Amino acid sequence: MLEPCLAPSLAPILAVFGDCFTAPSFATFRHIVAGWILCLERHTVTGVLRASGAVGEKHHTSFHRFFRSAVWDPDALGLCLLKLVLNLLAPGLPIIVPLDDTLGRHTGKHIRGASMHHDPLLSTRTKPVFHWGHVWVVLSIVVRVPRWKKVFALPVLVRLYRAEKVCKKEKRRFRKKTELAAELIAVLAAAFPERQFRVVADAAYANASIIKKLPPNVHFIGRSRLDAALYAAPRRQRMGRPRVKGDRVPSPGNRARSSRGWQRLRLEVYGRTVTVRVKVFDALWYVVSGGRMLRFVLVRGWPGHDHDDVFCTTDRSLDATQVIQDYCLRWSLEVTFHETKGKLGFEDPQNRTKRAVERTAPMALWVYTLTVVWYLTVGAKLKNAGLPQFPWYTKTIPAFSDMLAALRREAWRHRLLDPASDARERKKSEKSLAPLLQAVGYGG
């Protein structure tokens, strides 16, 4: 059978996933990854099949069967991918874990698990917009590249959120996004109990479903509420039932009204240096954290905001600078969503079976992570990984599109130009060129 059009330097990275599949499924997986990378049209299963060059070599139903019914676990694949990502990080330091959800828009009433969801990108404060599709809860890992002053959020674990109506129709228990997120955090913490993680998430995830269930090796940083009901730590009592909370203390909003206690802080957020004013205090947010004390950071002068903001964390050893800067890393996951939808067809698959829905779209997220891992480990050192240079524009820092282009060039260079490539493959030069000609003719 024709080998997938993979860059030789990517093959060893994919080899670590061998234990996640049976031998036939692993061969299909390699073709799917190759096709997903090379595909320039819509990333449907058949579109990926055509880009992989496996038409006529491998029956098309095996690609559909890989997503629909093959025996493999997405969590096992995600944890295997996580090991690759952790190799890029310095040992011993806390790992920043952005957590968020995103809407994958679809059309077609027969798509499994789809329903109407709030569209945060098209909505305004006065006019909410809803769209048909899937909502995915995604857990990622932050990788910093100091020489480029860039940060990547690499997705590893994913859950599909189903609306209550869909759950009722499918006779399954309804689970909130926060419950799915708590499950992802538990899977992550159990797989690497020796590592320390800091989950960063928006206000929607700063609640009891997440904070009360945090594993011992996980801390949380998120946006709190200005009207949060806060309490002092409970006082010790000699008699009677121990108190679970102390006296009521001012909310963050009430504290903001006072001119006392503000401190100026100069720090770097979103790539620029800004000066803000902060108040730091510890309190008990009982409805969210139970008996666990939290550290709050009240911020005034937040870039682009006219109103005050407040953040909270379970790690009371952190200062205001660490809390704010770590929280800002959450935005890198939004960039990942934008890239996977625009470059890797995250919203393209049209699945009608349960397993296929849960497995196909996440492949775009995993391919994004594989592409960045490949580029940071071996791709940037290759001769063909140079950045585009024009008389009017000189590029020095690669974007994800440059990484993906470098991986595609390396794959095609191996297929067409490498004299050491397989002799049988060279004899089939016309068939080897077919996916490239297809891409040139129809892609883009």
Protein backbone atom coordinates (compact mmCIF):
# COMPACT_ATOMS: atom_id res chain seq x y z
CA MET A 1 0.00 0.00 0.00
CA LEU A 2 1.15 3.54 -0.77
CA GLU A 3 2.77 5.25 2.20
CA PRO A 4 1.04 8.42 3.43
CA CYS A 5 2.51 11.69 2.23
CA LEU A 6 4.16 12.53 5.55
CA ALA A 7 7.24 14.60 6.22
CA PRO A 8 9.97 12.13 7.33
CA SER A 9 10.63 14.24 10.41
CA LEU A 10 6.97 13.96 11.47
CA ALA A 11 6.89 10.16 11.29
CA PRO A 12 8.82 9.59 14.58
CA ILE A 13 6.43 11.94 16.36
CA LEU A 14 3.41 10.00 15.08
CA ALA A 15 5.06 6.70 16.07
CA VAL A 16 4.42 7.42 19.76
CA PHE A 17 0.68 7.05 19.07
CA GLY A 18 1.07 3.43 17.99
CA ASP A 19 -0.14 2.08 21.33
CA CYS A 20 -3.41 4.03 21.03
CA PHE A 21 -4.59 2.00 18.02
CA THR A 22 -4.63 -1.43 16.47
CA ALA A 23 -2.17 -1.86 13.58
CA PRO A 24 -4.80 -1.26 10.83
CA SER A 25 -6.25 1.75 12.66
CA PHE A 26 -2.79 3.22 13.18
CA ALA A 27 -2.12 2.99 9.43
CA THR A 28 -5.41 4.82 8.83
CA PHE A 29 -4.52 7.38 11.48
CA ARG A 30 -1.24 8.21 9.70
CA HIS A 31 -3.11 8.75 6.43
CA ILE A 32 -5.69 10.93 8.17
CA VAL A 33 -3.01 13.13 9.75
CA ALA A 34 -1.23 13.45 6.41
CA GLY A 35 -4.47 14.28 4.63
CA TRP A 36 -5.56 16.75 7.29
CA ILE A 37 -2.27 18.62 6.96
CA LEU A 38 -2.28 18.70 3.16
CA CYS A 39 -6.00 19.33 2.65
CA LEU A 40 -6.71 22.76 1.11
CA GLU A 41 -10.45 22.26 0.65
CA ARG A 42 -13.12 21.52 3.23
CA HIS A 43 -11.85 19.09 5.86
CA THR A 44 -14.59 16.51 5.52
CA VAL A 45 -13.59 12.84 5.79
CA THR A 46 -13.67 12.43 2.01
CA GLY A 47 -11.76 15.70 1.54
CA VAL A 48 -9.04 14.45 3.87
CA LEU A 49 -9.04 11.09 2.06
CA ARG A 50 -8.42 12.79 -1.30
CA ALA A 51 -5.63 14.95 0.12
CA SER A 52 -3.92 11.94 1.68
CA GLY A 53 -3.45 10.28 -1.72
CA ALA A 54 -5.02 7.04 -0.48
CA VAL A 55 -7.88 6.95 -3.01
CA GLY A 56 -7.77 3.54 -4.68
CA GLU A 57 -5.15 2.30 -2.23
CA LYS A 58 -7.35 2.17 0.87
CA HIS A 59 -11.12 1.79 0.76
CA HIS A 60 -12.94 4.98 1.64
CA THR A 61 -15.17 3.25 4.18
CA SER A 62 -12.15 2.51 6.38
CA PHE A 63 -11.72 6.26 6.92
CA HIS A 64 -15.34 6.67 7.95
CA ARG A 65 -15.12 3.53 10.10
CA PHE A 66 -12.03 4.93 11.85
CA PHE A 67 -14.12 7.75 13.29
CA ARG A 68 -17.44 5.90 13.55
CA SER A 69 -16.58 2.58 15.18
CA ALA A 70 -12.83 1.85 15.44
CA VAL A 71 -11.60 0.91 18.92
CA TRP A 72 -9.58 3.86 20.18
CA ASP A 73 -9.99 6.34 23.01
CA PRO A 74 -9.74 10.11 22.34
CA ASP A 75 -8.53 10.68 25.91
CA ALA A 76 -5.69 8.19 25.42
CA LEU A 77 -4.68 9.98 22.23
CA GLY A 78 -4.88 13.33 24.00
CA LEU A 79 -2.72 12.17 26.90
CA CYS A 80 -0.16 10.75 24.49
CA LEU A 81 -0.11 14.12 22.76
CA LEU A 82 0.22 15.79 26.16
CA LYS A 83 3.45 13.88 26.82
CA LEU A 84 4.92 15.36 23.64
CA VAL A 85 3.90 18.86 24.73
CA LEU A 86 5.34 18.43 28.23
CA ASN A 87 8.72 17.63 26.67
CA LEU A 88 8.78 21.23 25.44
CA LEU A 89 8.40 22.62 28.97
CA ALA A 90 10.97 23.13 31.71
CA PRO A 91 10.63 20.48 34.44
CA GLY A 92 9.52 21.54 37.88
CA LEU A 93 7.64 24.69 36.87
CA PRO A 94 3.82 24.94 37.11
CA ILE A 95 2.09 24.19 33.82
CA ILE A 96 -0.41 26.79 32.62
CA VAL A 97 -3.63 25.16 31.36
CA PRO A 98 -6.06 27.44 29.46
CA LEU A 99 -9.61 26.08 29.54
CA ASP A 100 -12.49 27.37 27.43
CA ASP A 101 -15.29 26.37 25.09
CA THR A 102 -15.90 27.26 21.48
CA LEU A 103 -18.80 27.03 19.05
CA GLY A 104 -18.35 25.06 15.85
CA ARG A 105 -21.00 26.38 13.46
CA HIS A 106 -22.76 23.90 11.19
CA THR A 107 -25.65 23.64 8.76
CA GLY A 108 -27.85 20.60 8.33
CA LYS A 109 -30.45 19.26 10.75
CA HIS A 110 -29.19 15.68 10.60
CA ILE A 111 -25.79 16.38 12.18
CA ARG A 112 -25.57 14.35 15.37
CA GLY A 113 -25.56 16.27 18.66
CA ALA A 114 -26.04 19.71 17.09
CA SER A 115 -28.43 22.31 18.49
CA MET A 116 -28.86 26.08 18.82
CA HIS A 117 -26.14 27.74 20.93
CA HIS A 118 -25.27 31.29 21.88
CA ASP A 119 -22.68 32.69 19.47
CA PRO A 120 -20.31 34.90 21.51
CA LEU A 121 -18.45 36.23 18.46
CA LEU A 122 -21.52 37.60 16.71
CA SER A 123 -23.46 38.65 19.82
CA THR A 124 -23.43 42.07 21.43
CA ARG A 125 -24.58 43.18 24.88
CA THR A 126 -27.91 44.30 23.46
CA LYS A 127 -28.43 41.69 20.75
CA PRO A 128 -27.65 38.02 21.43
CA VAL A 129 -27.10 35.81 18.39
CA PHE A 130 -27.64 32.06 18.27
CA HIS A 131 -26.25 29.56 15.78
CA TRP A 132 -26.74 25.91 14.98
CA GLY A 133 -23.74 23.70 15.74
CA HIS A 134 -21.59 22.02 18.38
CA VAL A 135 -19.98 23.45 21.48
CA TRP A 136 -16.64 21.98 22.51
CA VAL A 137 -14.97 22.26 25.91
CA VAL A 138 -11.22 22.30 25.29
CA LEU A 139 -8.27 21.92 27.68
CA SER A 140 -4.88 23.07 26.39
CA ILE A 141 -1.28 23.56 27.52
CA VAL A 142 0.67 26.82 27.23
CA VAL A 143 4.05 26.67 25.50
CA ARG A 144 6.14 29.84 25.60
CA VAL A 145 8.75 30.61 22.94
CA PRO A 146 10.85 33.42 24.47
CA ARG A 147 13.00 34.03 21.39
CA TRP A 148 9.87 34.95 19.43
CA LYS A 149 8.00 36.45 22.39
CA LYS A 150 5.10 34.18 21.46
CA VAL A 151 2.78 31.89 23.38
CA PHE A 152 0.89 28.89 21.99
CA ALA A 153 -2.05 27.12 23.61
CA LEU A 154 -1.88 23.51 22.40
CA PRO A 155 -5.17 21.54 22.74
CA VAL A 156 -4.92 18.05 24.19
CA LEU A 157 -8.25 17.01 25.77
CA VAL A 158 -11.74 17.72 24.40
CA ARG A 159 -15.37 17.14 25.35
CA LEU A 160 -18.53 17.68 23.29
CA TYR A 161 -21.22 19.62 25.16
CA ARG A 162 -24.80 18.59 24.39
CA ALA A 163 -27.80 20.80 25.10
CA GLU A 164 -30.55 19.56 27.41
CA LYS A 165 -32.93 18.92 24.52
CA VAL A 166 -30.33 16.79 22.75
CA CYS A 167 -29.62 14.81 25.92
CA LYS A 168 -33.32 14.19 26.43
CA LYS A 169 -33.70 13.02 22.83
CA GLU A 170 -30.67 10.72 23.09
CA LYS A 171 -31.72 9.53 26.59
CA ARG A 172 -28.45 10.56 28.20
CA ARG A 173 -27.72 12.49 31.38
CA PHE A 174 -27.32 16.21 30.81
CA ARG A 175 -23.92 17.56 31.83
CA LYS A 176 -23.05 21.23 32.10
CA LYS A 177 -19.93 22.65 30.47
CA THR A 178 -18.38 23.08 33.90
CA GLU A 179 -18.95 19.41 34.71
CA LEU A 180 -17.22 18.40 31.48
CA ALA A 181 -14.38 20.80 32.29
CA ALA A 182 -14.00 19.30 35.78
CA GLU A 183 -13.76 15.86 34.19
CA LEU A 184 -11.01 17.02 31.83
CA ILE A 185 -9.06 18.52 34.74
CA ALA A 186 -9.39 15.27 36.68
CA VAL A 187 -8.09 13.24 33.71
CA LEU A 188 -5.13 15.59 33.34
CA ALA A 189 -4.23 15.58 37.05
CA ALA A 190 -4.52 11.79 37.39
CA ALA A 191 -2.28 11.16 34.37
CA PHE A 192 0.54 13.35 35.75
CA PRO A 193 0.21 13.44 39.56
CA GLU A 194 3.83 14.57 39.94
CA ARG A 195 3.30 17.79 37.94
CA GLN A 196 1.70 21.04 39.15
CA PHE A 197 -0.98 22.65 36.97
CA ARG A 198 -2.61 26.09 36.94
CA VAL A 199 -5.93 26.13 35.13
CA VAL A 200 -6.87 29.56 33.76
CA ALA A 201 -10.44 30.18 32.64
CA ASP A 202 -13.05 32.88 32.24
CA ALA A 203 -15.85 33.75 34.68
CA ALA A 204 -18.11 30.96 33.35
CA TYR A 205 -15.76 28.38 34.91
CA ALA A 206 -15.06 30.17 38.21
CA ASN A 207 -17.71 28.26 40.11
CA ALA A 208 -18.26 25.40 42.54
CA SER A 209 -18.31 22.71 39.82
CA ILE A 210 -14.65 23.44 39.12
CA ILE A 211 -13.08 24.88 42.29
CA LYS A 212 -14.61 22.49 44.82
CA LYS A 213 -13.44 19.49 42.77
CA LEU A 214 -9.86 20.58 42.05
CA PRO A 215 -7.32 17.75 42.45
CA PRO A 216 -4.42 18.34 44.89
CA ASN A 217 -1.93 19.13 42.13
CA VAL A 218 -4.14 21.71 40.37
CA HIS A 219 -4.72 25.40 41.14
CA PHE A 220 -7.25 27.67 39.47
CA ILE A 221 -7.05 31.28 38.22
CA GLY A 222 -10.17 32.93 36.85
CA ARG A 223 -12.35 35.99 36.70
CA SER A 224 -14.54 36.55 39.76
CA ARG A 225 -17.58 38.80 40.30
CA LEU A 226 -17.66 42.32 41.70
CA ASP A 227 -20.77 41.40 43.68
CA ALA A 228 -19.37 38.14 45.07
CA ALA A 229 -20.56 37.33 48.62
CA LEU A 230 -17.31 37.07 50.60
CA TYR A 231 -16.64 36.01 54.17
CA ALA A 232 -13.74 36.02 56.62
CA ALA A 233 -12.15 32.77 57.73
CA PRO A 234 -14.22 31.03 60.46
CA ARG A 235 -13.17 31.69 64.04
CA ARG A 236 -12.33 28.78 66.29
CA GLN A 237 -14.96 27.86 68.86
CA ARG A 238 -14.60 26.02 72.12
CA MET A 239 -18.17 24.76 72.13
CA GLY A 240 -20.83 23.91 69.61
CA ARG A 241 -20.67 22.98 65.96
CA PRO A 242 -17.61 24.45 64.17
CA ARG A 243 -18.43 27.39 61.92
CA VAL A 244 -17.91 26.92 58.19
CA LYS A 245 -17.44 30.64 57.47
CA GLY A 246 -16.70 33.83 59.32
CA ASP A 247 -18.36 37.24 59.26
CA ARG A 248 -19.43 38.83 56.00
CA VAL A 249 -16.76 41.10 54.51
CA PRO A 250 -17.06 43.74 51.75
CA SER A 251 -17.52 42.46 48.21
CA PRO A 252 -14.93 43.33 45.55
CA GLY A 253 -17.28 46.01 44.20
CA ASN A 254 -17.59 47.66 47.61
CA ARG A 255 -13.82 47.53 48.09
CA ALA A 256 -13.37 49.24 44.71
CA ARG A 257 -15.39 52.24 45.88
CA SER A 258 -12.82 52.99 48.57
CA SER A 259 -9.82 55.10 47.57
CA ARG A 260 -7.60 53.37 50.14
CA GLY A 261 -5.36 50.40 49.57
CA TRP A 262 -4.73 50.80 45.83
CA GLN A 263 -1.22 50.06 44.57
CA ARG A 264 0.28 50.92 41.21
CA LEU A 265 1.59 47.97 39.24
CA ARG A 266 3.54 48.00 35.99
CA LEU A 267 3.42 44.74 34.06
CA GLU A 268 3.27 43.22 30.59
CA VAL A 269 -0.08 41.93 29.32
CA TYR A 270 -1.00 40.86 25.79
CA GLY A 271 2.47 41.81 24.55
CA ARG A 272 2.57 45.40 25.83
CA THR A 273 3.59 47.09 29.06
CA VAL A 274 0.78 48.79 30.99
CA THR A 275 0.26 50.39 34.40
CA VAL A 276 -2.75 49.37 36.46
CA ARG A 277 -3.89 49.83 40.05
CA VAL A 278 -4.59 46.76 42.16
CA LYS A 279 -5.91 45.66 45.54
CA VAL A 280 -5.00 42.20 46.81
CA PHE A 281 -6.93 40.48 49.61
CA ASP A 282 -7.86 36.98 50.78
CA ALA A 283 -11.41 35.94 51.56
CA LEU A 284 -13.82 33.02 51.60
CA TRP A 285 -16.14 32.82 48.57
CA TYR A 286 -18.18 30.15 50.28
CA VAL A 287 -20.73 29.44 47.56
CA VAL A 288 -17.90 28.71 45.10
CA SER A 289 -14.95 27.38 47.11
CA GLY A 290 -16.59 26.03 50.26
CA GLY A 291 -14.12 26.29 53.12
CA ARG A 292 -11.14 27.06 50.87
CA MET A 293 -9.73 30.58 51.11
CA LEU A 294 -9.11 32.36 47.82
CA ARG A 295 -6.86 35.25 46.83
CA PHE A 296 -8.58 38.12 45.01
CA VAL A 297 -6.92 40.72 42.80
CA LEU A 298 -9.02 43.81 42.13
CA VAL A 299 -7.82 45.66 39.02
CA ARG A 300 -8.48 49.22 37.85
CA GLY A 301 -7.23 50.62 34.54
CA TRP A 302 -7.36 47.27 32.74
CA PRO A 303 -6.43 47.85 29.05
CA GLY A 304 -9.53 48.43 26.98
CA HIS A 305 -11.91 48.34 29.98
CA ASP A 306 -13.71 51.30 31.49
CA HIS A 307 -14.81 49.36 34.57
CA ASP A 308 -12.99 47.58 37.36
CA ASP A 309 -12.30 43.86 37.19
CA VAL A 310 -11.50 41.18 39.75
CA PHE A 311 -9.65 37.88 39.53
CA CYS A 312 -9.42 35.02 41.98
CA THR A 313 -7.04 32.12 42.52
CA THR A 314 -6.79 29.11 44.80
CA ASP A 315 -3.01 29.61 45.04
CA ARG A 316 -2.54 32.24 47.73
CA SER A 317 1.23 32.27 47.23
CA LEU A 318 0.83 34.18 43.96
CA ASP A 319 1.17 37.96 43.81
CA ALA A 320 -0.93 40.30 41.68
CA THR A 321 1.51 40.29 38.76
CA GLN A 322 1.52 36.49 38.50
CA VAL A 323 -2.27 36.24 38.74
CA ILE A 324 -2.87 38.86 36.03
CA GLN A 325 -0.18 37.63 33.64
CA ASP A 326 -1.20 33.98 33.99
CA TYR A 327 -4.83 34.86 33.39
CA CYS A 328 -3.89 36.76 30.23
CA LEU A 329 -2.43 33.55 28.80
CA ARG A 330 -6.01 32.33 28.45
CA TRP A 331 -6.29 34.46 25.30
CA SER A 332 -3.82 32.22 23.47
CA LEU A 333 -6.52 29.53 23.34
CA GLU A 334 -8.82 31.95 21.50
CA VAL A 335 -6.05 32.35 18.91
CA THR A 336 -5.88 28.56 18.61
CA PHE A 337 -9.62 28.38 17.95
CA HIS A 338 -9.28 31.02 15.23
CA GLU A 339 -6.41 29.14 13.53
CA THR A 340 -8.04 25.70 13.66
CA LYS A 341 -11.27 27.03 12.20
CA GLY A 342 -9.56 29.03 9.47
CA LYS A 343 -6.64 26.75 8.54
CA LEU A 344 -7.60 23.22 9.65
CA GLY A 345 -11.34 23.00 9.05
CA PHE A 346 -12.49 22.55 12.64
CA GLU A 347 -16.08 23.35 11.60
CA ASP A 348 -16.10 21.31 8.37
CA PRO A 349 -16.91 17.68 9.37
CA GLN A 350 -20.57 16.71 8.92
CA ASN A 351 -21.06 13.63 11.09
CA ARG A 352 -24.26 11.72 11.80
CA THR A 353 -23.15 9.13 14.35
CA LYS A 354 -22.24 9.54 18.02
CA ARG A 355 -18.60 8.44 17.95
CA ALA A 356 -17.83 10.13 14.65
CA VAL A 357 -19.03 13.47 16.03
CA GLU A 358 -16.90 13.14 19.16
CA ARG A 359 -13.76 12.17 17.23
CA THR A 360 -13.67 13.96 13.86
CA ALA A 361 -13.69 17.70 14.67
CA PRO A 362 -11.15 17.29 17.53
CA MET A 363 -8.72 15.94 14.94
CA ALA A 364 -8.26 19.55 13.77
CA LEU A 365 -7.22 20.54 17.30
CA TRP A 366 -4.81 17.61 17.61
CA VAL A 367 -3.27 18.33 14.19
CA TYR A 368 -2.74 21.93 15.30
CA THR A 369 -0.81 20.68 18.34
CA LEU A 370 1.18 18.20 16.26
CA THR A 371 2.13 20.92 13.77
CA VAL A 372 3.41 23.28 16.47
CA VAL A 373 5.26 20.47 18.29
CA TRP A 374 6.88 19.39 15.02
CA TYR A 375 7.98 22.92 14.17
CA LEU A 376 9.39 23.68 17.62
CA THR A 377 11.31 20.40 17.84
CA VAL A 378 12.61 19.75 14.30
CA GLY A 379 10.76 21.81 11.71
CA ALA A 380 12.34 25.20 12.41
CA LYS A 381 15.81 23.71 11.80
CA LEU A 382 15.02 22.40 8.32
CA LYS A 383 16.21 24.16 5.18
CA ASN A 384 12.69 24.43 3.75
CA ALA A 385 11.29 26.05 6.91
CA GLY A 386 12.41 29.54 5.90
CA LEU A 387 9.93 32.36 6.31
CA PRO A 388 8.54 34.18 3.25
CA GLN A 389 10.61 37.22 2.26
CA PHE A 390 9.42 39.91 -0.12
CA PRO A 391 10.88 43.25 -1.24
CA TRP A 392 8.12 45.00 0.72
CA TYR A 393 8.01 42.67 3.74
CA THR A 394 10.56 40.80 5.85
CA LYS A 395 9.19 38.24 8.27
CA THR A 396 11.24 37.14 11.29
CA ILE A 397 8.70 35.46 13.57
CA PRO A 398 6.66 32.49 12.27
CA ALA A 399 2.88 32.39 12.56
CA PHE A 400 0.97 29.11 12.65
CA SER A 401 0.32 29.46 8.91
CA ASP A 402 4.10 29.47 8.33
CA MET A 403 4.51 26.34 10.45
CA LEU A 404 1.76 24.56 8.54
CA ALA A 405 3.21 25.66 5.19
CA ALA A 406 6.66 24.39 6.21
CA LEU A 407 5.20 21.00 7.15
CA ARG A 408 3.33 20.79 3.85
CA ARG A 409 6.46 21.71 1.85
CA GLU A 410 8.51 19.11 3.68
CA ALA A 411 5.89 16.44 2.98
CA TRP A 412 5.75 17.21 -0.75
CA ARG A 413 9.51 17.59 -1.02
CA HIS A 414 9.92 14.08 0.34
CA ARG A 415 7.27 12.68 -1.99
CA LEU A 416 8.54 14.32 -5.17
CA LEU A 417 12.22 15.15 -4.82
CA ASP A 418 13.87 12.83 -2.32
CA PRO A 419 15.95 10.22 -4.25
CA ALA A 420 15.87 7.94 -1.21
CA SER A 421 12.07 7.60 -1.29
CA ASP A 422 10.54 4.21 -1.93
CA ALA A 423 11.23 2.79 -5.42
CA ARG A 424 7.64 1.60 -5.82
CA GLU A 425 6.48 5.09 -4.95
CA ARG A 426 8.79 6.67 -7.52
CA LYS A 427 7.40 4.40 -10.24
CA LYS A 428 3.97 5.78 -9.43
CA SER A 429 4.99 9.38 -9.93
CA GLU A 430 1.74 10.22 -11.68
CA LYS A 431 -0.26 8.90 -8.73
CA SER A 432 2.08 10.70 -6.31
CA LEU A 433 1.41 13.97 -8.08
CA ALA A 434 -2.36 13.50 -8.13
CA PRO A 435 -3.10 14.95 -4.65
CA LEU A 436 -0.87 17.95 -5.37
CA LEU A 437 -2.53 18.61 -8.72
CA GLN A 438 -5.92 18.23 -7.04
CA ALA A 439 -4.91 20.81 -4.42
CA VAL A 440 -3.58 23.22 -7.05
CA GLY A 441 -6.71 22.87 -9.15
CA TYR A 442 -9.38 23.03 -6.45
CA GLY A 443 -7.79 24.10 -3.18
CA GLY A 444 -7.17 27.49 -1.66
